[in-house]
Amino acid sequence: MELQIFEKNGTFKVVGNINHKTVAIFQSQLEQRLLQLKSVTLDVNQISSIDKAGIKALRSLYKKAFLIGKSFSIIGYGCKDIYNEFRATR
């Protein structure tokens, strides 16, 4: 499944898979908007799966937001791999 990203008021709804094939466009698009907005919220309700490359991109986005003083939040009950990964490395 291809990756689709929809934005409404700083909330990004991501539909599909975040993997080594789709991660570059995902990260690029969110990094660009992170520089333009005060905060970015990622809705993971419709993410089907995420691989290590996708998790790495999320960590990178979170770190970048922190370093530039922006807010980066993840919401939704979609792909549990995201929450499991972040919970495991606290």
PDB file of N, CA and C in Angstrom:
ATOM      1  N   MET A   1       0.845  -1.186   0.000  1.00  0.00           N
ATOM      2  CA  MET A   1       0.000   0.000   0.000  1.00  0.00           C
ATOM      3  C   MET A   1       0.884   1.241   0.000  1.00  0.00           C
ATOM      4  N   GLU A   2       0.550   2.168  -0.838  1.00  0.00           N
ATOM      5  CA  GLU A   2       1.316   3.409  -0.876  1.00  0.00           C
ATOM      6  C   GLU A   2       1.014   4.248   0.359  1.00  0.00           C
ATOM      7  N   LEU A   3       1.844   5.216   0.600  1.00  0.00           N
ATOM      8  CA  LEU A   3       1.700   6.092   1.753  1.00  0.00           C
ATOM      9  C   LEU A   3       1.017   7.379   1.322  1.00  0.00           C
ATOM     10  N   GLN A   4       0.014   7.783   2.082  1.00  0.00           N
ATOM     11  CA  GLN A   4      -0.671   9.043   1.829  1.00  0.00           C
ATOM     12  C   GLN A   4      -0.616   9.870   3.105  1.00  0.00           C
ATOM     13  N   ILE A   5      -0.388  11.166   2.942  1.00  0.00           N
ATOM     14  CA  ILE A   5      -0.307  12.075   4.078  1.00  0.00           C
ATOM     15  C   ILE A   5      -1.260  13.235   3.827  1.00  0.00           C
ATOM     16  N   PHE A   6      -2.174  13.427   4.767  1.00  0.00           N
ATOM     17  CA  PHE A   6      -3.144  14.512   4.678  1.00  0.00           C
ATOM     18  C   PHE A   6      -2.920  15.446   5.861  1.00  0.00           C
ATOM     19  N   GLU A   7      -3.000  16.754   5.620  1.00  0.00           N
ATOM     20  CA  GLU A   7      -2.788  17.720   6.696  1.00  0.00           C
ATOM     21  C   GLU A   7      -4.014  18.595   6.900  1.00  0.00           C
ATOM     22  N   LYS A   8      -4.332  18.818   8.163  1.00  0.00           N
ATOM     23  CA  LYS A   8      -5.382  19.773   8.517  1.00  0.00           C
ATOM     24  C   LYS A   8      -4.964  20.434   9.821  1.00  0.00           C
ATOM     25  N   ASN A   9      -4.680  21.725   9.752  1.00  0.00           N
ATOM     26  CA  ASN A   9      -4.329  22.528  10.928  1.00  0.00           C
ATOM     27  C   ASN A   9      -3.174  21.946  11.742  1.00  0.00           C
ATOM     28  N   GLY A  10      -2.147  21.481  11.076  1.00  0.00           N
ATOM     29  CA  GLY A  10      -0.974  20.973  11.776  1.00  0.00           C
ATOM     30  C   GLY A  10      -1.069  19.533  12.223  1.00  0.00           C
ATOM     31  N   THR A  11      -2.202  18.891  11.956  1.00  0.00           N
ATOM     32  CA  THR A  11      -2.346  17.467  12.255  1.00  0.00           C
ATOM     33  C   THR A  11      -2.204  16.696  10.951  1.00  0.00           C
ATOM     34  N   PHE A  12      -1.301  15.727  10.969  1.00  0.00           N
ATOM     35  CA  PHE A  12      -1.005  14.945   9.779  1.00  0.00           C
ATOM     36  C   PHE A  12      -1.577  13.548   9.936  1.00  0.00           C
ATOM     37  N   LYS A  13      -2.520  13.224   9.078  1.00  0.00           N
ATOM     38  CA  LYS A  13      -3.118  11.894   9.059  1.00  0.00           C
ATOM     39  C   LYS A  13      -2.327  11.077   8.039  1.00  0.00           C
ATOM     40  N   VAL A  14      -1.730  10.005   8.503  1.00  0.00           N
ATOM     41  CA  VAL A  14      -0.902   9.169   7.638  1.00  0.00           C
ATOM     42  C   VAL A  14      -1.645   7.863   7.388  1.00  0.00           C
ATOM     43  N   VAL A  15      -1.784   7.500   6.112  1.00  0.00           N
ATOM     44  CA  VAL A  15      -2.500   6.293   5.721  1.00  0.00           C
ATOM     45  C   VAL A  15      -1.545   5.397   4.945  1.00  0.00           C
ATOM     46  N   GLY A  16      -1.429   4.146   5.383  1.00  0.00           N
ATOM     47  CA  GLY A  16      -0.580   3.196   4.671  1.00  0.00           C
ATOM     48  C   GLY A  16       0.551   2.674   5.525  1.00  0.00           C
ATOM     49  N   ASN A  17       1.652   2.353   4.873  1.00  0.00           N
ATOM     50  CA  ASN A  17       2.822   1.773   5.527  1.00  0.00           C
ATOM     51  C   ASN A  17       3.981   2.757   5.514  1.00  0.00           C
ATOM     52  N   ILE A  18       4.669   2.842   6.636  1.00  0.00           N
ATOM     53  CA  ILE A  18       5.913   3.614   6.676  1.00  0.00           C
ATOM     54  C   ILE A  18       7.032   2.587   6.709  1.00  0.00           C
ATOM     55  N   ASN A  19       7.745   2.498   5.608  1.00  0.00           N
ATOM     56  CA  ASN A  19       8.818   1.510   5.504  1.00  0.00           C
ATOM     57  C   ASN A  19       9.967   2.076   4.680  1.00  0.00           C
ATOM     58  N   HIS A  20      10.954   1.239   4.417  1.00  0.00           N
ATOM     59  CA  HIS A  20      12.142   1.709   3.696  1.00  0.00           C
ATOM     60  C   HIS A  20      11.809   2.288   2.321  1.00  0.00           C
ATOM     61  N   LYS A  21      10.674   1.910   1.753  1.00  0.00           N
ATOM     62  CA  LYS A  21      10.290   2.433   0.442  1.00  0.00           C
ATOM     63  C   LYS A  21       9.595   3.798   0.533  1.00  0.00           C
ATOM     64  N   THR A  22       8.938   4.065   1.652  1.00  0.00           N
ATOM     65  CA  THR A  22       8.141   5.286   1.774  1.00  0.00           C
ATOM     66  C   THR A  22       8.704   6.297   2.773  1.00  0.00           C
ATOM     67  N   VAL A  23       9.728   5.906   3.513  1.00  0.00           N
ATOM     68  CA  VAL A  23      10.205   6.731   4.623  1.00  0.00           C
ATOM     69  C   VAL A  23      10.786   8.072   4.174  1.00  0.00           C
ATOM     70  N   ALA A  24      11.437   8.123   3.036  1.00  0.00           N
ATOM     71  CA  ALA A  24      12.072   9.373   2.593  1.00  0.00           C
ATOM     72  C   ALA A  24      11.035  10.474   2.371  1.00  0.00           C
ATOM     73  N   ILE A  25       9.962  10.168   1.685  1.00  0.00           N
ATOM     74  CA  ILE A  25       8.933  11.172   1.428  1.00  0.00           C
ATOM     75  C   ILE A  25       8.219  11.544   2.730  1.00  0.00           C
ATOM     76  N   PHE A  26       7.972  10.560   3.584  1.00  0.00           N
ATOM     77  CA  PHE A  26       7.340  10.805   4.883  1.00  0.00           C
ATOM     78  C   PHE A  26       8.169  11.780   5.710  1.00  0.00           C
ATOM     79  N   GLN A  27       9.437  11.468   5.878  1.00  0.00           N
ATOM     80  CA  GLN A  27      10.307  12.294   6.711  1.00  0.00           C
ATOM     81  C   GLN A  27      10.504  13.684   6.110  1.00  0.00           C
ATOM     82  N   SER A  28      10.708  13.745   4.818  1.00  0.00           N
ATOM     83  CA  SER A  28      10.919  15.022   4.146  1.00  0.00           C
ATOM     84  C   SER A  28       9.715  15.948   4.308  1.00  0.00           C
ATOM     85  N   GLN A  29       8.537  15.404   4.087  1.00  0.00           N
ATOM     86  CA  GLN A  29       7.325  16.223   4.165  1.00  0.00           C
ATOM     87  C   GLN A  29       7.093  16.722   5.591  1.00  0.00           C
ATOM     88  N   LEU A  30       7.274  15.864   6.575  1.00  0.00           N
ATOM     89  CA  LEU A  30       7.048  16.291   7.955  1.00  0.00           C
ATOM     90  C   LEU A  30       8.138  17.228   8.455  1.00  0.00           C
ATOM     91  N   GLU A  31       9.376  17.016   8.050  1.00  0.00           N
ATOM     92  CA  GLU A  31      10.452  17.940   8.446  1.00  0.00           C
ATOM     93  C   GLU A  31      10.194  19.339   7.903  1.00  0.00           C
ATOM     94  N   GLN A  32       9.773  19.408   6.655  1.00  0.00           N
ATOM     95  CA  GLN A  32       9.484  20.704   6.033  1.00  0.00           C
ATOM     96  C   GLN A  32       8.387  21.442   6.800  1.00  0.00           C
ATOM     97  N   ARG A  33       7.321  20.739   7.139  1.00  0.00           N
ATOM     98  CA  ARG A  33       6.216  21.378   7.855  1.00  0.00           C
ATOM     99  C   ARG A  33       6.593  21.700   9.298  1.00  0.00           C
ATOM    100  N   LEU A  34       7.458  20.894   9.891  1.00  0.00           N
ATOM    101  CA  LEU A  34       7.918  21.158  11.252  1.00  0.00           C
ATOM    102  C   LEU A  34       8.641  22.496  11.328  1.00  0.00           C
ATOM    103  N   LEU A  35       9.368  22.835  10.288  1.00  0.00           N
ATOM    104  CA  LEU A  35      10.066  24.120  10.249  1.00  0.00           C
ATOM    105  C   LEU A  35       9.096  25.292  10.101  1.00  0.00           C
ATOM    106  N   GLN A  36       7.945  25.042   9.492  1.00  0.00           N
ATOM    107  CA  GLN A  36       6.981  26.102   9.216  1.00  0.00           C
ATOM    108  C   GLN A  36       5.928  26.289  10.306  1.00  0.00           C
ATOM    109  N   LEU A  37       5.654  25.246  11.063  1.00  0.00           N
ATOM    110  CA  LEU A  37       4.583  25.281  12.061  1.00  0.00           C
ATOM    111  C   LEU A  37       5.147  25.310  13.477  1.00  0.00           C
ATOM    112  N   LYS A  38       4.334  25.745  14.432  1.00  0.00           N
ATOM    113  CA  LYS A  38       4.749  25.725  15.840  1.00  0.00           C
ATOM    114  C   LYS A  38       4.713  24.315  16.407  1.00  0.00           C
ATOM    115  N   SER A  39       3.786  23.520  15.899  1.00  0.00           N
ATOM    116  CA  SER A  39       3.667  22.148  16.374  1.00  0.00           C
ATOM    117  C   SER A  39       3.167  21.248  15.256  1.00  0.00           C
ATOM    118  N   VAL A  40       3.544  19.988  15.363  1.00  0.00           N
ATOM    119  CA  VAL A  40       3.107  18.974  14.414  1.00  0.00           C
ATOM    120  C   VAL A  40       2.517  17.821  15.220  1.00  0.00           C
ATOM    121  N   THR A  41       1.331  17.384  14.814  1.00  0.00           N
ATOM    122  CA  THR A  41       0.686  16.230  15.431  1.00  0.00           C
ATOM    123  C   THR A  41       0.532  15.160  14.361  1.00  0.00           C
ATOM    124  N   LEU A  42       0.977  13.963  14.682  1.00  0.00           N
ATOM    125  CA  LEU A  42       0.922  12.836  13.759  1.00  0.00           C
ATOM    126  C   LEU A  42      -0.177  11.885  14.211  1.00  0.00           C
ATOM    127  N   ASP A  43      -1.199  11.697  13.376  1.00  0.00           N
ATOM    128  CA  ASP A  43      -2.303  10.780  13.657  1.00  0.00           C
ATOM    129  C   ASP A  43      -1.957   9.428  13.040  1.00  0.00           C
ATOM    130  N   VAL A  44      -1.774   8.405  13.892  1.00  0.00           N
ATOM    131  CA  VAL A  44      -1.326   7.092  13.423  1.00  0.00           C
ATOM    132  C   VAL A  44      -2.466   6.086  13.289  1.00  0.00           C
ATOM    133  N   ASN A  45      -3.707   6.543  13.372  1.00  0.00           N
ATOM    134  CA  ASN A  45      -4.850   5.628  13.313  1.00  0.00           C
ATOM    135  C   ASN A  45      -4.861   4.741  12.077  1.00  0.00           C
ATOM    136  N   GLN A  46      -4.370   5.243  10.958  1.00  0.00           N
ATOM    137  CA  GLN A  46      -4.460   4.463   9.723  1.00  0.00           C
ATOM    138  C   GLN A  46      -3.100   4.037   9.177  1.00  0.00           C
ATOM    139  N   ILE A  47      -2.104   3.989  10.049  1.00  0.00           N
ATOM    140  CA  ILE A  47      -0.821   3.416   9.644  1.00  0.00           C
ATOM    141  C   ILE A  47      -0.935   1.909   9.813  1.00  0.00           C
ATOM    142  N   SER A  48      -0.778   1.181   8.722  1.00  0.00           N
ATOM    143  CA  SER A  48      -0.919  -0.273   8.750  1.00  0.00           C
ATOM    144  C   SER A  48       0.282  -0.953   9.374  1.00  0.00           C
ATOM    145  N   SER A  49       1.471  -0.472   9.028  1.00  0.00           N
ATOM    146  CA  SER A  49       2.695  -1.055   9.578  1.00  0.00           C
ATOM    147  C   SER A  49       3.821  -0.040   9.493  1.00  0.00           C
ATOM    148  N   ILE A  50       4.842  -0.297  10.304  1.00  0.00           N
ATOM    149  CA  ILE A  50       6.022   0.559  10.305  1.00  0.00           C
ATOM    150  C   ILE A  50       7.231  -0.334  10.542  1.00  0.00           C
ATOM    151  N   ASP A  51       8.299  -0.101   9.784  1.00  0.00           N
ATOM    152  CA  ASP A  51       9.518  -0.891   9.970  1.00  0.00           C
ATOM    153  C   ASP A  51      10.565  -0.060  10.714  1.00  0.00           C
ATOM    154  N   LYS A  52      11.767  -0.606  10.833  1.00  0.00           N
ATOM    155  CA  LYS A  52      12.833   0.079  11.573  1.00  0.00           C
ATOM    156  C   LYS A  52      13.173   1.436  10.968  1.00  0.00           C
ATOM    157  N   ALA A  53      13.113   1.544   9.646  1.00  0.00           N
ATOM    158  CA  ALA A  53      13.393   2.826   8.986  1.00  0.00           C
ATOM    159  C   ALA A  53      12.340   3.863   9.379  1.00  0.00           C
ATOM    160  N   GLY A  54      11.098   3.442   9.488  1.00  0.00           N
ATOM    161  CA  GLY A  54      10.025   4.344   9.895  1.00  0.00           C
ATOM    162  C   GLY A  54      10.172   4.798  11.336  1.00  0.00           C
ATOM    163  N   ILE A  55      10.523   3.857  12.214  1.00  0.00           N
ATOM    164  CA  ILE A  55      10.751   4.201  13.624  1.00  0.00           C
ATOM    165  C   ILE A  55      11.914   5.178  13.739  1.00  0.00           C
ATOM    166  N   LYS A  56      12.962   4.932  12.973  1.00  0.00           N
ATOM    167  CA  LYS A  56      14.126   5.829  12.978  1.00  0.00           C
ATOM    168  C   LYS A  56      13.716   7.237  12.537  1.00  0.00           C
ATOM    169  N   ALA A  57      12.855   7.328  11.528  1.00  0.00           N
ATOM    170  CA  ALA A  57      12.377   8.629  11.050  1.00  0.00           C
ATOM    171  C   ALA A  57      11.568   9.339  12.131  1.00  0.00           C
ATOM    172  N   LEU A  58      10.725   8.607  12.846  1.00  0.00           N
ATOM    173  CA  LEU A  58       9.948   9.217  13.926  1.00  0.00           C
ATOM    174  C   LEU A  58      10.862   9.754  15.019  1.00  0.00           C
ATOM    175  N   ARG A  59      11.865   8.985  15.373  1.00  0.00           N
ATOM    176  CA  ARG A  59      12.828   9.441  16.386  1.00  0.00           C
ATOM    177  C   ARG A  59      13.550  10.703  15.914  1.00  0.00           C
ATOM    178  N   SER A  60      13.925  10.717  14.654  1.00  0.00           N
ATOM    179  CA  SER A  60      14.617  11.865  14.082  1.00  0.00           C
ATOM    180  C   SER A  60      13.723  13.109  14.104  1.00  0.00           C
ATOM    181  N   LEU A  61      12.466  12.941  13.739  1.00  0.00           N
ATOM    182  CA  LEU A  61      11.523  14.057  13.757  1.00  0.00           C
ATOM    183  C   LEU A  61      11.319  14.577  15.178  1.00  0.00           C
ATOM    184  N   TYR A  62      11.187  13.671  16.121  1.00  0.00           N
ATOM    185  CA  TYR A  62      11.010  14.066  17.521  1.00  0.00           C
ATOM    186  C   TYR A  62      12.229  14.843  18.019  1.00  0.00           C
ATOM    187  N   LYS A  63      13.410  14.328  17.703  1.00  0.00           N
ATOM    188  CA  LYS A  63      14.652  14.981  18.134  1.00  0.00           C
ATOM    189  C   LYS A  63      14.786  16.364  17.497  1.00  0.00           C
ATOM    190  N   LYS A  64      14.492  16.446  16.199  1.00  0.00           N
ATOM    191  CA  LYS A  64      14.590  17.728  15.503  1.00  0.00           C
ATOM    192  C   LYS A  64      13.628  18.746  16.111  1.00  0.00           C
ATOM    193  N   ALA A  65      12.405  18.312  16.385  1.00  0.00           N
ATOM    194  CA  ALA A  65      11.417  19.206  16.995  1.00  0.00           C
ATOM    195  C   ALA A  65      11.921  19.712  18.340  1.00  0.00           C
ATOM    196  N   PHE A  66      12.468  18.832  19.139  1.00  0.00           N
ATOM    197  CA  PHE A  66      12.996  19.213  20.448  1.00  0.00           C
ATOM    198  C   PHE A  66      14.117  20.237  20.308  1.00  0.00           C
ATOM    199  N   LEU A  67      15.024  19.991  19.383  1.00  0.00           N
ATOM    200  CA  LEU A  67      16.184  20.869  19.207  1.00  0.00           C
ATOM    201  C   LEU A  67      15.816  22.267  18.715  1.00  0.00           C
ATOM    202  N   ILE A  68      14.733  22.372  17.951  1.00  0.00           N
ATOM    203  CA  ILE A  68      14.336  23.687  17.441  1.00  0.00           C
ATOM    204  C   ILE A  68      13.168  24.287  18.232  1.00  0.00           C
ATOM    205  N   GLY A  69      12.824  23.651  19.346  1.00  0.00           N
ATOM    206  CA  GLY A  69      11.799  24.202  20.227  1.00  0.00           C
ATOM    207  C   GLY A  69      10.378  24.073  19.722  1.00  0.00           C
ATOM    208  N   LYS A  70      10.122  23.037  18.958  1.00  0.00           N
ATOM    209  CA  LYS A  70       8.778  22.807  18.428  1.00  0.00           C
ATOM    210  C   LYS A  70       8.160  21.596  19.123  1.00  0.00           C
ATOM    211  N   SER A  71       6.857  21.470  19.006  1.00  0.00           N
ATOM    212  CA  SER A  71       6.128  20.352  19.589  1.00  0.00           C
ATOM    213  C   SER A  71       5.872  19.290  18.522  1.00  0.00           C
ATOM    214  N   PHE A  72       6.123  18.028  18.869  1.00  0.00           N
ATOM    215  CA  PHE A  72       5.852  16.903  17.975  1.00  0.00           C
ATOM    216  C   PHE A  72       5.103  15.850  18.781  1.00  0.00           C
ATOM    217  N   SER A  73       3.860  15.590  18.400  1.00  0.00           N
ATOM    218  CA  SER A  73       3.007  14.657  19.136  1.00  0.00           C
ATOM    219  C   SER A  73       2.519  13.545  18.228  1.00  0.00           C
ATOM    220  N   ILE A  74       2.306  12.372  18.830  1.00  0.00           N
ATOM    221  CA  ILE A  74       1.741  11.228  18.125  1.00  0.00           C
ATOM    222  C   ILE A  74       0.432  10.879  18.811  1.00  0.00           C
ATOM    223  N   ILE A  75      -0.645  10.798  18.008  1.00  0.00           N
ATOM    224  CA  ILE A  75      -1.959  10.457  18.555  1.00  0.00           C
ATOM    225  C   ILE A  75      -2.556   9.294  17.779  1.00  0.00           C
ATOM    226  N   GLY A  76      -3.560   8.661  18.364  1.00  0.00           N
ATOM    227  CA  GLY A  76      -4.294   7.610  17.676  1.00  0.00           C
ATOM    228  C   GLY A  76      -3.963   6.231  18.208  1.00  0.00           C
ATOM    229  N   TYR A  77      -4.758   5.278  17.779  1.00  0.00           N
ATOM    230  CA  TYR A  77      -4.623   3.895  18.237  1.00  0.00           C
ATOM    231  C   TYR A  77      -4.210   2.965  17.106  1.00  0.00           C
ATOM    232  N   GLY A  78      -3.603   3.485  16.090  1.00  0.00           N
ATOM    233  CA  GLY A  78      -3.223   2.697  14.924  1.00  0.00           C
ATOM    234  C   GLY A  78      -2.123   1.705  15.202  1.00  0.00           C
ATOM    235  N   CYS A  79      -1.050   1.863  14.567  1.00  0.00           N
ATOM    236  CA  CYS A  79       0.065   0.923  14.593  1.00  0.00           C
ATOM    237  C   CYS A  79       0.694   0.847  15.990  1.00  0.00           C
ATOM    238  N   LYS A  80       0.478  -0.267  16.668  1.00  0.00           N
ATOM    239  CA  LYS A  80       0.983  -0.451  18.037  1.00  0.00           C
ATOM    240  C   LYS A  80       2.505  -0.517  18.088  1.00  0.00           C
ATOM    241  N   ASP A  81       3.148  -0.875  16.981  1.00  0.00           N
ATOM    242  CA  ASP A  81       4.617  -0.949  16.949  1.00  0.00           C
ATOM    243  C   ASP A  81       5.247   0.386  17.339  1.00  0.00           C
ATOM    244  N   ILE A  82       4.597   1.474  16.988  1.00  0.00           N
ATOM    245  CA  ILE A  82       5.129   2.800  17.319  1.00  0.00           C
ATOM    246  C   ILE A  82       5.177   2.977  18.831  1.00  0.00           C
ATOM    247  N   TYR A  83       4.061   2.716  19.489  1.00  0.00           N
ATOM    248  CA  TYR A  83       4.004   2.892  20.942  1.00  0.00           C
ATOM    249  C   TYR A  83       4.908   1.903  21.663  1.00  0.00           C
ATOM    250  N   ASN A  84       4.932   0.666  21.192  1.00  0.00           N
ATOM    251  CA  ASN A  84       5.794  -0.341  21.815  1.00  0.00           C
ATOM    252  C   ASN A  84       7.254   0.069  21.737  1.00  0.00           C
ATOM    253  N   GLU A  85       7.665   0.588  20.617  1.00  0.00           N
ATOM    254  CA  GLU A  85       9.062   0.994  20.429  1.00  0.00           C
ATOM    255  C   GLU A  85       9.424   2.171  21.332  1.00  0.00           C
ATOM    256  N   PHE A  86       8.566   3.167  21.385  1.00  0.00           N
ATOM    257  CA  PHE A  86       8.865   4.332  22.213  1.00  0.00           C
ATOM    258  C   PHE A  86       8.782   3.997  23.702  1.00  0.00           C
ATOM    259  N   ARG A  87       7.866   3.137  24.076  1.00  0.00           N
ATOM    260  CA  ARG A  87       7.735   2.727  25.469  1.00  0.00           C
ATOM    261  C   ARG A  87       8.953   1.914  25.909  1.00  0.00           C
ATOM    262  N   ALA A  88       9.477   1.090  25.029  1.00  0.00           N
ATOM    263  CA  ALA A  88      10.608   0.212  25.354  1.00  0.00           C
ATOM    264  C   ALA A  88      11.909   0.978  25.548  1.00  0.00           C
ATOM    265  N   THR A  89      12.007   2.167  24.984  1.00  0.00           N
ATOM    266  CA  THR A  89      13.275   2.904  25.034  1.00  0.00           C
ATOM    267  C   THR A  89      13.203   4.160  25.881  1.00  0.00           C
ATOM    268  N   ARG A  90      12.264   4.249  26.763  1.00  0.00           N
ATOM    269  CA  ARG A  90      12.173   5.428  27.634  1.00  0.00           C
ATOM    270  C   ARG A  90      13.321   5.513  28.564  1.00  0.00           C
TER     271      ARG A  90
END
